[in-house]
């Protein structure tokens, strides 16, 4: 149950159990990454801080460290020409700054590897109703059902709806083929069973 590639079909019907939303989609890495971003932000505390420092603002923190390393080297070289201490500190801080700049790239590679391992691009059919959410891969390799009670809360971004069974997992559904009315219908279904972000 993840990301989206190609078409998505949504069917809304009203039956004995109320609203039913059926979604058929395939996945993209970008949407998987967006679901992961919401997961990190909803973990809170240290994990949220790590996201901002190492991923979101890596292109700010990295250059600051690199500039600091140059200043350390120049100041150290002025006071103690050829001093080993300033060279060691410069190397450590400069290396840390360069490494920091590459954090988003490493994170993306890690997500891509995980996405492929999970076969995230497989086409799926997801049905949501008042009892919960069921999903099945079209190729028959996986299926399951999750009741609303298993989820702690929900969140959303411009790209996806995200549901959290716990702080270490995320189930998300892409929005890109939903019109505004369809999004409101699904949002209402989720809101009836789950607290939103920060609740």
Protein backbone atom coordinates (compact mmCIF):
# COMPACT_ATOMS: atom_id res chain seq x y z
CA UNK A 1 0.00 0.00 0.00
CA UNK A 2 2.18 2.81 -1.01
CA UNK A 3 2.86 5.04 -3.91
CA UNK A 4 1.41 5.67 -7.30
CA UNK A 5 2.26 5.32 -10.96
CA UNK A 6 -0.19 5.41 -13.81
CA UNK A 7 -3.92 5.69 -13.25
CA UNK A 8 -5.95 5.64 -10.08
CA UNK A 9 -9.62 4.77 -9.99
CA UNK A 10 -11.85 5.75 -7.10
CA UNK A 11 -15.34 4.41 -6.55
CA UNK A 12 -17.61 5.82 -3.86
CA UNK A 13 -20.75 3.95 -2.91
CA UNK A 14 -23.15 4.08 -0.05
CA UNK A 15 -24.12 0.74 1.42
CA UNK A 16 -24.99 -0.92 4.72
CA UNK A 17 -21.65 0.08 6.19
CA UNK A 18 -21.71 3.63 4.79
CA UNK A 19 -19.06 5.16 2.58
CA UNK A 20 -16.75 2.90 0.59
CA UNK A 21 -13.65 4.11 -1.23
CA UNK A 22 -11.95 1.80 -3.74
CA UNK A 23 -8.58 2.77 -5.15
CA UNK A 24 -6.56 1.01 -7.83
CA UNK A 25 -3.03 2.26 -8.33
CA UNK A 26 0.63 1.51 -8.92
CA UNK A 27 3.48 3.16 -7.05
CA UNK A 28 6.28 5.70 -7.55
CA UNK A 29 9.38 6.30 -5.50
CA UNK A 30 8.53 9.99 -5.04
CA UNK A 31 5.30 9.18 -3.23
CA UNK A 32 7.00 6.50 -1.16
CA UNK A 33 9.56 9.14 -0.14
CA UNK A 34 6.76 11.56 0.75
CA UNK A 35 5.13 8.95 2.97
CA UNK A 36 8.48 8.37 4.65
CA UNK A 37 8.87 12.12 5.21
CA UNK A 38 5.52 12.29 6.99
CA UNK A 39 6.50 9.26 9.05
CA UNK A 40 9.72 10.95 10.23
CA UNK A 41 7.89 14.17 11.06
CA UNK A 42 5.25 12.34 13.07
CA UNK A 43 7.79 10.41 15.11
CA UNK A 44 8.55 13.61 17.01
CA UNK A 45 11.47 14.34 19.34
CA UNK A 46 14.91 13.22 18.22
CA UNK A 47 13.73 11.66 14.96
CA UNK A 48 12.01 14.86 13.90
CA UNK A 49 15.12 16.87 14.76
CA UNK A 50 17.28 14.45 12.74
CA UNK A 51 15.02 14.90 9.73
CA UNK A 52 15.41 18.67 9.80
CA UNK A 53 19.16 18.64 10.49
CA UNK A 54 20.30 15.80 8.25
CA UNK A 55 17.79 15.95 5.39
CA UNK A 56 15.60 19.06 5.22
CA UNK A 57 18.33 21.61 5.99
CA UNK A 58 21.41 19.62 4.97
CA UNK A 59 22.24 22.21 2.29
CA UNK A 60 22.35 24.87 5.00
CA UNK A 61 24.21 22.97 7.73
CA UNK A 62 26.80 21.50 5.32
CA UNK A 63 28.11 24.83 3.97
CA UNK A 64 28.15 26.29 7.50
CA UNK A 65 30.43 23.45 8.64
CA UNK A 66 32.65 23.83 5.59
CA UNK A 67 32.97 27.60 6.17
CA UNK A 68 33.72 26.97 9.86
CA UNK A 69 36.43 24.46 8.94
CA UNK A 70 38.12 27.01 6.67
CA UNK A 71 37.98 29.64 9.44
CA UNK A 72 39.46 27.17 11.93
CA UNK A 73 42.27 26.31 9.53
CA UNK A 74 43.11 29.94 8.74
CA UNK A 75 43.00 31.06 12.37
CA UNK A 76 44.99 28.04 13.50
CA UNK A 77 47.51 28.53 10.71
CA UNK A 78 47.98 32.17 11.69
CA UNK A 79 48.64 31.39 15.32
CA UNK A 80 50.50 28.14 14.84
CA UNK A 81 51.79 27.85 11.26
CA UNK A 82 51.79 24.25 10.14
CA UNK A 83 50.20 23.18 13.41
CA UNK A 84 48.92 19.60 13.36
CA UNK A 85 45.99 20.49 15.63
CA UNK A 86 44.43 22.97 13.23
CA UNK A 87 44.85 20.57 10.31
CA UNK A 88 43.16 17.74 12.20
CA UNK A 89 40.25 19.93 13.29
CA UNK A 90 39.95 21.40 9.79
CA UNK A 91 39.86 17.93 8.24
CA UNK A 92 37.24 16.67 10.70
CA UNK A 93 34.91 19.67 10.36
CA UNK A 94 35.39 19.96 6.58
CA UNK A 95 34.74 16.24 6.13
CA UNK A 96 31.64 16.50 8.30
CA UNK A 97 30.36 19.40 6.21
CA UNK A 98 30.86 17.55 2.93
CA UNK A 99 29.24 14.44 4.40
CA UNK A 100 26.30 16.53 5.58
CA UNK A 101 25.73 17.81 2.04
CA UNK A 102 25.43 14.22 0.82
CA UNK A 103 22.91 13.15 3.50
CA UNK A 104 19.81 13.78 1.34
CA UNK A 105 21.35 11.76 -1.50
CA UNK A 106 22.20 8.84 0.80
CA UNK A 107 18.74 8.97 2.32
CA UNK A 108 17.15 8.88 -1.13
CA UNK A 109 19.27 5.89 -2.15
CA UNK A 110 18.26 4.05 1.01
CA UNK A 111 14.59 4.73 0.27
CA UNK A 112 14.99 3.56 -3.34
CA UNK A 113 16.58 0.30 -2.20
CA UNK A 114 13.79 -0.29 0.32
CA UNK A 115 11.13 0.59 -2.25
CA UNK A 116 12.52 -1.99 -4.65
CA UNK A 117 12.79 -4.64 -1.93
CA UNK A 118 9.12 -4.13 -1.08
CA UNK A 119 8.16 -4.18 -4.77
CA UNK A 120 6.48 -0.87 -4.12
CA UNK A 121 5.61 -0.29 -7.79
CA UNK A 122 3.30 -3.32 -7.89
CA UNK A 123 -0.27 -2.44 -8.83
CA UNK A 124 -2.67 -2.60 -5.88
CA UNK A 125 -6.35 -2.34 -5.10
CA UNK A 126 -7.25 -0.67 -1.80
CA UNK A 127 -10.72 -0.47 -0.31
CA UNK A 128 -11.54 1.76 2.67
CA UNK A 129 -14.84 1.68 4.55
CA UNK A 130 -16.13 2.09 8.10
CA UNK A 131 -14.49 -1.18 9.17
CA UNK A 132 -10.99 -0.32 8.01
CA UNK A 133 -8.73 -0.65 4.97
CA UNK A 134 -8.11 -3.75 2.88
CA UNK A 135 -5.49 -4.09 0.19
CA UNK A 136 -4.46 -6.63 -2.42
CA UNK A 137 -1.81 -6.67 -5.11
CA UNK A 138 -3.28 -7.27 -8.53
CA UNK A 139 -0.72 -10.01 -9.20
CA UNK A 140 -2.00 -11.89 -6.13
CA UNK A 141 1.29 -11.85 -4.22
CA UNK A 142 -0.05 -10.04 -1.15
CA UNK A 143 -3.28 -9.03 0.54
CA UNK A 144 -4.45 -7.97 3.97
CA UNK A 145 -6.89 -5.95 6.03
CA UNK A 146 -6.29 -3.35 8.74
CA UNK A 147 -9.02 -2.13 11.06
CA UNK A 148 -9.14 1.54 12.00
CA UNK A 149 -8.33 0.63 15.60
CA UNK A 150 -4.79 -0.39 14.61
CA UNK A 151 -3.93 3.17 13.56
CA UNK A 152 -2.80 5.81 16.06
CA UNK A 153 -3.37 8.89 13.92
CA UNK A 154 -3.44 10.31 10.40
CA UNK A 155 -1.74 13.11 8.48
CA UNK A 156 -1.61 14.40 4.92
CA UNK A 157 0.50 16.47 2.56
CA UNK A 158 -0.04 17.81 -0.94
CA UNK A 159 0.80 14.38 -2.33
CA UNK A 160 -0.45 11.72 0.06
CA UNK A 161 -2.75 10.74 2.89
CA UNK A 162 -0.79 8.96 5.63
CA UNK A 163 -2.05 6.61 8.34
CA UNK A 164 0.19 5.52 11.21
CA UNK A 165 -0.20 2.11 12.91
CA UNK A 166 2.64 3.17 15.23
CA UNK A 167 5.62 5.53 15.22
CA UNK A 168 7.66 3.18 13.09
CA UNK A 169 5.27 2.50 10.22
CA UNK A 170 3.20 4.41 7.71
CA UNK A 171 0.41 3.39 5.34
CA UNK A 172 -0.16 6.04 2.70
CA UNK A 173 -2.42 6.65 -0.26
CA UNK A 174 -1.52 9.11 -3.05
CA UNK A 175 -3.74 12.04 -3.96
CA UNK A 176 -2.67 12.84 -7.49
CA UNK A 177 -5.65 11.25 -9.22
CA UNK A 178 -8.23 12.36 -6.65
CA UNK A 179 -10.39 15.37 -7.39
CA UNK A 180 -11.17 17.76 -4.49
CA UNK A 181 -14.52 16.14 -3.73
CA UNK A 182 -13.01 12.66 -3.61
CA UNK A 183 -10.30 13.87 -1.26
CA UNK A 184 -12.90 15.37 1.04
CA UNK A 185 -14.82 12.08 1.09
CA UNK A 186 -11.75 10.08 2.08
CA UNK A 187 -10.68 12.78 4.56
CA UNK A 188 -14.10 12.58 6.21
CA UNK A 189 -13.86 8.80 6.47
CA UNK A 190 -10.44 9.03 8.10
CA UNK A 191 -11.48 11.84 10.44
CA UNK A 192 -14.38 9.78 11.72
CA UNK A 193 -11.98 7.13 13.04
CA UNK A 194 -8.56 8.72 13.63
CA UNK A 195 -7.06 11.80 15.28
CA UNK A 196 -5.10 14.16 13.06
CA UNK A 197 -1.50 15.36 13.44
CA UNK A 198 -0.62 16.73 16.85
CA UNK A 199 -3.57 15.02 18.53
